[in-house]
Amino acid sequence: MKCPFCGRLNNKVINSRLTPDETSIRRRRECIDCGSRFTTYEYVERTPVLVVKRDGRRQPFDRQKLIGGLMRACEKRPVTLEQIDALVSEVDKELQNAMEPEVSSLRIGEMVLARLRGLDEVAYVRFASVYRQFRDVSEFSEEIRTLAEREQQKPNP
């Protein structure tokens, strides 16, 4: 494994542990040459799922791309990288369990939004604005109104 800082292959594993969903192994590594530390994840290789984009293009499902989008939505919010990774792992697991070779980007977006709503409502609105391609403030307002109505319908403990 190349060190992302110096590019050399001389590193050692300091710590290994299963991720909370037990679908991958998180490894903490240290470069022997430069002393930098970095994290890697080991996943089981699965049958690739193709994502059908809005314009009809097809591309392989890329969990890193989804993590990047979620990190932008969760920027400056109290959401940890572990929570984002767990959310993406849930979506990935659901896609694999469906055993469908192709899935629409719209379906993936809805899967993410369903999970993100319970995690952080501001991140939810941010993600929804990109995913649903909000065109003006009224669309933001409508989404926020819908969230507020759902919150009022929840039973009080």
C-alpha atoms as a PDB file:
ATOM      1  CA  MET A   1       0.000   0.000   0.000  1.00  0.00           C
ATOM      2  CA  LYS A   2       1.497   3.339  -1.067  1.00  0.00           C
ATOM      3  CA  CYS A   3       1.787   6.072   1.531  1.00  0.00           C
ATOM      4  CA  PRO A   4      -0.469   8.958   0.413  1.00  0.00           C
ATOM      5  CA  PHE A   5       2.119  11.432   1.738  1.00  0.00           C
ATOM      6  CA  CYS A   6       5.479  10.213   0.388  1.00  0.00           C
ATOM      7  CA  GLY A   7       4.406   7.527  -2.110  1.00  0.00           C
ATOM      8  CA  ARG A   8       6.606   4.785  -0.682  1.00  0.00           C
ATOM      9  CA  LEU A   9       5.431   1.251   0.003  1.00  0.00           C
ATOM     10  CA  ASN A  10       7.164   0.801   3.352  1.00  0.00           C
ATOM     11  CA  ASN A  11       4.399   0.937   6.006  1.00  0.00           C
ATOM     12  CA  LYS A  12       2.972  -1.124   8.817  1.00  0.00           C
ATOM     13  CA  VAL A  13      -0.486  -1.769  10.238  1.00  0.00           C
ATOM     14  CA  ILE A  14      -0.861  -0.231  13.694  1.00  0.00           C
ATOM     15  CA  ASN A  15      -4.485  -1.169  14.371  1.00  0.00           C
ATOM     16  CA  SER A  16      -7.210  -3.199  12.629  1.00  0.00           C
ATOM     17  CA  ARG A  17     -10.879  -3.424  13.479  1.00  0.00           C
ATOM     18  CA  LEU A  18     -14.206  -4.248  11.901  1.00  0.00           C
ATOM     19  CA  THR A  19     -16.438  -1.374  10.908  1.00  0.00           C
ATOM     20  CA  PRO A  20     -19.698  -1.163  12.885  1.00  0.00           C
ATOM     21  CA  ASP A  21     -21.653  -2.865  10.090  1.00  0.00           C
ATOM     22  CA  GLU A  22     -19.027  -5.642   9.918  1.00  0.00           C
ATOM     23  CA  THR A  23     -18.722  -5.391   6.124  1.00  0.00           C
ATOM     24  CA  SER A  24     -15.169  -4.066   6.044  1.00  0.00           C
ATOM     25  CA  ILE A  25     -11.970  -3.804   8.028  1.00  0.00           C
ATOM     26  CA  ARG A  26     -10.532  -0.425   8.976  1.00  0.00           C
ATOM     27  CA  ARG A  27      -6.752  -0.440   9.169  1.00  0.00           C
ATOM     28  CA  ARG A  28      -4.660   2.317  10.706  1.00  0.00           C
ATOM     29  CA  ARG A  29      -1.217   2.395   9.060  1.00  0.00           C
ATOM     30  CA  GLU A  30       2.064   4.187   9.666  1.00  0.00           C
ATOM     31  CA  CYS A  31       4.649   4.894   6.986  1.00  0.00           C
ATOM     32  CA  ILE A  32       8.064   3.669   8.104  1.00  0.00           C
ATOM     33  CA  ASP A  33       9.833   6.186   5.837  1.00  0.00           C
ATOM     34  CA  CYS A  34       8.054   9.482   6.605  1.00  0.00           C
ATOM     35  CA  GLY A  35       6.217   8.620   9.848  1.00  0.00           C
ATOM     36  CA  SER A  36       2.796   9.742   8.561  1.00  0.00           C
ATOM     37  CA  ARG A  37      -0.312   7.846   9.573  1.00  0.00           C
ATOM     38  CA  PHE A  38      -3.265   7.036   7.334  1.00  0.00           C
ATOM     39  CA  THR A  39      -6.375   4.862   7.271  1.00  0.00           C
ATOM     40  CA  THR A  40      -7.310   2.205   4.731  1.00  0.00           C
ATOM     41  CA  TYR A  41     -10.432   0.079   4.393  1.00  0.00           C
ATOM     42  CA  GLU A  42     -10.612  -3.481   3.132  1.00  0.00           C
ATOM     43  CA  TYR A  43     -13.877  -4.587   1.497  1.00  0.00           C
ATOM     44  CA  VAL A  44     -15.098  -7.816  -0.020  1.00  0.00           C
ATOM     45  CA  GLU A  45     -15.125  -7.506  -3.798  1.00  0.00           C
ATOM     46  CA  ARG A  46     -18.680  -7.765  -5.027  1.00  0.00           C
ATOM     47  CA  THR A  47     -20.587  -7.902  -8.250  1.00  0.00           C
ATOM     48  CA  PRO A  48     -20.478  -4.391  -9.689  1.00  0.00           C
ATOM     49  CA  VAL A  49     -23.696  -2.395  -9.688  1.00  0.00           C
ATOM     50  CA  LEU A  50     -24.173   0.065 -12.539  1.00  0.00           C
ATOM     51  CA  VAL A  51     -25.770   3.404 -11.754  1.00  0.00           C
ATOM     52  CA  VAL A  52     -28.080   4.711 -14.467  1.00  0.00           C
ATOM     53  CA  LYS A  53     -27.756   8.502 -14.490  1.00  0.00           C
ATOM     54  CA  ARG A  54     -30.567  10.922 -15.377  1.00  0.00           C
ATOM     55  CA  ASP A  55     -29.197  11.326 -18.913  1.00  0.00           C
ATOM     56  CA  GLY A  56     -29.066   7.543 -19.455  1.00  0.00           C
ATOM     57  CA  ARG A  57     -25.313   7.125 -18.974  1.00  0.00           C
ATOM     58  CA  ARG A  58     -24.206   4.148 -16.927  1.00  0.00           C
ATOM     59  CA  GLN A  59     -21.270   4.052 -14.548  1.00  0.00           C
ATOM     60  CA  PRO A  60     -20.161   1.748 -11.730  1.00  0.00           C
ATOM     61  CA  PHE A  61     -21.434   2.544  -8.234  1.00  0.00           C
ATOM     62  CA  ASP A  62     -18.661   4.433  -6.469  1.00  0.00           C
ATOM     63  CA  ARG A  63     -18.973   4.600  -2.704  1.00  0.00           C
ATOM     64  CA  GLN A  64     -16.181   7.220  -2.564  1.00  0.00           C
ATOM     65  CA  LYS A  65     -18.187   9.530  -4.817  1.00  0.00           C
ATOM     66  CA  LEU A  66     -21.186   9.148  -2.521  1.00  0.00           C
ATOM     67  CA  ILE A  67     -19.025   9.753   0.561  1.00  0.00           C
ATOM     68  CA  GLY A  68     -17.704  12.933  -1.072  1.00  0.00           C
ATOM     69  CA  GLY A  69     -21.220  14.217  -1.731  1.00  0.00           C
ATOM     70  CA  LEU A  70     -22.275  13.449   1.815  1.00  0.00           C
ATOM     71  CA  MET A  71     -19.177  15.131   3.238  1.00  0.00           C
ATOM     72  CA  ARG A  72     -20.094  18.316   1.343  1.00  0.00           C
ATOM     73  CA  ALA A  73     -23.676  18.120   2.640  1.00  0.00           C
ATOM     74  CA  CYS A  74     -22.457  17.502   6.201  1.00  0.00           C
ATOM     75  CA  GLU A  75     -19.762  20.192   6.171  1.00  0.00           C
ATOM     76  CA  LYS A  76     -19.698  22.111   9.468  1.00  0.00           C
ATOM     77  CA  ARG A  77     -22.404  19.822  10.860  1.00  0.00           C
ATOM     78  CA  PRO A  78     -22.095  17.462  13.866  1.00  0.00           C
ATOM     79  CA  VAL A  79     -21.856  14.379  11.640  1.00  0.00           C
ATOM     80  CA  THR A  80     -18.759  12.188  11.893  1.00  0.00           C
ATOM     81  CA  LEU A  81     -16.945  10.458   9.072  1.00  0.00           C
ATOM     82  CA  GLU A  82     -17.868   7.157  10.742  1.00  0.00           C
ATOM     83  CA  GLN A  83     -21.574   8.054  10.527  1.00  0.00           C
ATOM     84  CA  ILE A  84     -21.186   8.958   6.850  1.00  0.00           C
ATOM     85  CA  ASP A  85     -19.313   5.726   6.165  1.00  0.00           C
ATOM     86  CA  ALA A  86     -21.990   3.712   7.995  1.00  0.00           C
ATOM     87  CA  LEU A  87     -24.736   5.396   5.943  1.00  0.00           C
ATOM     88  CA  VAL A  88     -22.929   4.629   2.680  1.00  0.00           C
ATOM     89  CA  SER A  89     -22.331   1.045   3.831  1.00  0.00           C
ATOM     90  CA  GLU A  90     -26.074   0.629   4.483  1.00  0.00           C
ATOM     91  CA  VAL A  91     -26.890   1.914   0.998  1.00  0.00           C
ATOM     92  CA  ASP A  92     -24.191  -0.286  -0.548  1.00  0.00           C
ATOM     93  CA  LYS A  93     -25.463  -3.329   1.352  1.00  0.00           C
ATOM     94  CA  GLU A  94     -29.049  -2.667   0.246  1.00  0.00           C
ATOM     95  CA  LEU A  95     -27.900  -2.368  -3.374  1.00  0.00           C
ATOM     96  CA  GLN A  96     -25.951  -5.629  -3.146  1.00  0.00           C
ATOM     97  CA  ASN A  97     -28.852  -7.454  -1.477  1.00  0.00           C
ATOM     98  CA  ALA A  98     -31.235  -6.312  -4.214  1.00  0.00           C
ATOM     99  CA  MET A  99     -29.025  -8.229  -6.669  1.00  0.00           C
ATOM    100  CA  GLU A 100     -30.005  -5.895  -9.502  1.00  0.00           C
ATOM    101  CA  PRO A 101     -27.213  -5.220 -12.024  1.00  0.00           C
ATOM    102  CA  GLU A 102     -28.459  -1.654 -12.597  1.00  0.00           C
ATOM    103  CA  VAL A 103     -30.044   0.931 -10.330  1.00  0.00           C
ATOM    104  CA  SER A 104     -31.134   4.490 -11.079  1.00  0.00           C
ATOM    105  CA  SER A 105     -29.299   7.396  -9.475  1.00  0.00           C
ATOM    106  CA  LEU A 106     -32.738   8.609  -8.362  1.00  0.00           C
ATOM    107  CA  ARG A 107     -33.265   5.475  -6.289  1.00  0.00           C
ATOM    108  CA  ILE A 108     -29.842   5.811  -4.680  1.00  0.00           C
ATOM    109  CA  GLY A 109     -30.603   9.446  -3.855  1.00  0.00           C
ATOM    110  CA  GLU A 110     -33.852   8.486  -2.163  1.00  0.00           C
ATOM    111  CA  MET A 111     -32.086   5.743  -0.190  1.00  0.00           C
ATOM    112  CA  VAL A 112     -29.523   8.283   1.037  1.00  0.00           C
ATOM    113  CA  LEU A 113     -32.146  10.930   1.864  1.00  0.00           C
ATOM    114  CA  ALA A 114     -34.201   8.441   3.893  1.00  0.00           C
ATOM    115  CA  ARG A 115     -31.175   7.767   6.095  1.00  0.00           C
ATOM    116  CA  LEU A 116     -29.826  11.325   6.166  1.00  0.00           C
ATOM    117  CA  ARG A 117     -33.128  12.777   7.412  1.00  0.00           C
ATOM    118  CA  GLY A 118     -32.673  11.019  10.753  1.00  0.00           C
ATOM    119  CA  LEU A 119     -28.992  11.894  10.973  1.00  0.00           C
ATOM    120  CA  ASP A 120     -29.000  15.666  10.366  1.00  0.00           C
ATOM    121  CA  GLU A 121     -31.832  17.740   8.902  1.00  0.00           C
ATOM    122  CA  VAL A 122     -29.592  20.548   7.621  1.00  0.00           C
ATOM    123  CA  ALA A 123     -27.391  18.042   5.783  1.00  0.00           C
ATOM    124  CA  TYR A 124     -30.588  16.441   4.494  1.00  0.00           C
ATOM    125  CA  VAL A 125     -31.777  19.738   2.953  1.00  0.00           C
ATOM    126  CA  ARG A 126     -28.322  20.412   1.490  1.00  0.00           C
ATOM    127  CA  PHE A 127     -28.148  16.956  -0.100  1.00  0.00           C
ATOM    128  CA  ALA A 128     -31.752  17.192  -1.310  1.00  0.00           C
ATOM    129  CA  SER A 129     -31.065  20.560  -2.946  1.00  0.00           C
ATOM    130  CA  VAL A 130     -28.399  19.022  -5.171  1.00  0.00           C
ATOM    131  CA  TYR A 131     -30.063  15.647  -5.673  1.00  0.00           C
ATOM    132  CA  ARG A 132     -33.491  17.089  -6.483  1.00  0.00           C
ATOM    133  CA  GLN A 133     -31.965  20.038  -8.363  1.00  0.00           C
ATOM    134  CA  PHE A 134     -33.728  22.845  -6.492  1.00  0.00           C
ATOM    135  CA  ARG A 135     -34.090  25.846  -8.792  1.00  0.00           C
ATOM    136  CA  ASP A 136     -35.160  28.549  -6.348  1.00  0.00           C
ATOM    137  CA  VAL A 137     -35.801  29.408  -2.715  1.00  0.00           C
ATOM    138  CA  SER A 138     -39.418  28.235  -2.864  1.00  0.00           C
ATOM    139  CA  GLU A 139     -38.246  24.647  -3.383  1.00  0.00           C
ATOM    140  CA  PHE A 140     -36.010  24.935  -0.293  1.00  0.00           C
ATOM    141  CA  SER A 141     -38.936  26.357   1.664  1.00  0.00           C
ATOM    142  CA  GLU A 142     -41.225  23.522   0.589  1.00  0.00           C
ATOM    143  CA  GLU A 143     -38.697  20.874   1.657  1.00  0.00           C
ATOM    144  CA  ILE A 144     -38.189  22.567   5.033  1.00  0.00           C
ATOM    145  CA  ARG A 145     -41.977  22.843   5.527  1.00  0.00           C
ATOM    146  CA  THR A 146     -42.308  19.113   4.802  1.00  0.00           C
ATOM    147  CA  LEU A 147     -39.575  18.334   7.350  1.00  0.00           C
ATOM    148  CA  ALA A 148     -41.285  20.517   9.972  1.00  0.00           C
ATOM    149  CA  GLU A 149     -44.624  18.769   9.404  1.00  0.00           C
ATOM    150  CA  ARG A 150     -42.998  15.345   9.844  1.00  0.00           C
ATOM    151  CA  GLU A 151     -41.369  16.535  13.055  1.00  0.00           C
ATOM    152  CA  GLN A 152     -44.738  17.723  14.432  1.00  0.00           C
ATOM    153  CA  GLN A 153     -46.342  14.365  13.617  1.00  0.00           C
ATOM    154  CA  LYS A 154     -43.804  12.443  15.709  1.00  0.00           C
ATOM    155  CA  PRO A 155     -45.252  11.251  19.033  1.00  0.00           C
ATOM    156  CA  ASN A 156     -43.775  12.959  22.109  1.00  0.00           C
ATOM    157  CA  PRO A 157     -41.900  10.623  24.483  1.00  0.00           C
END
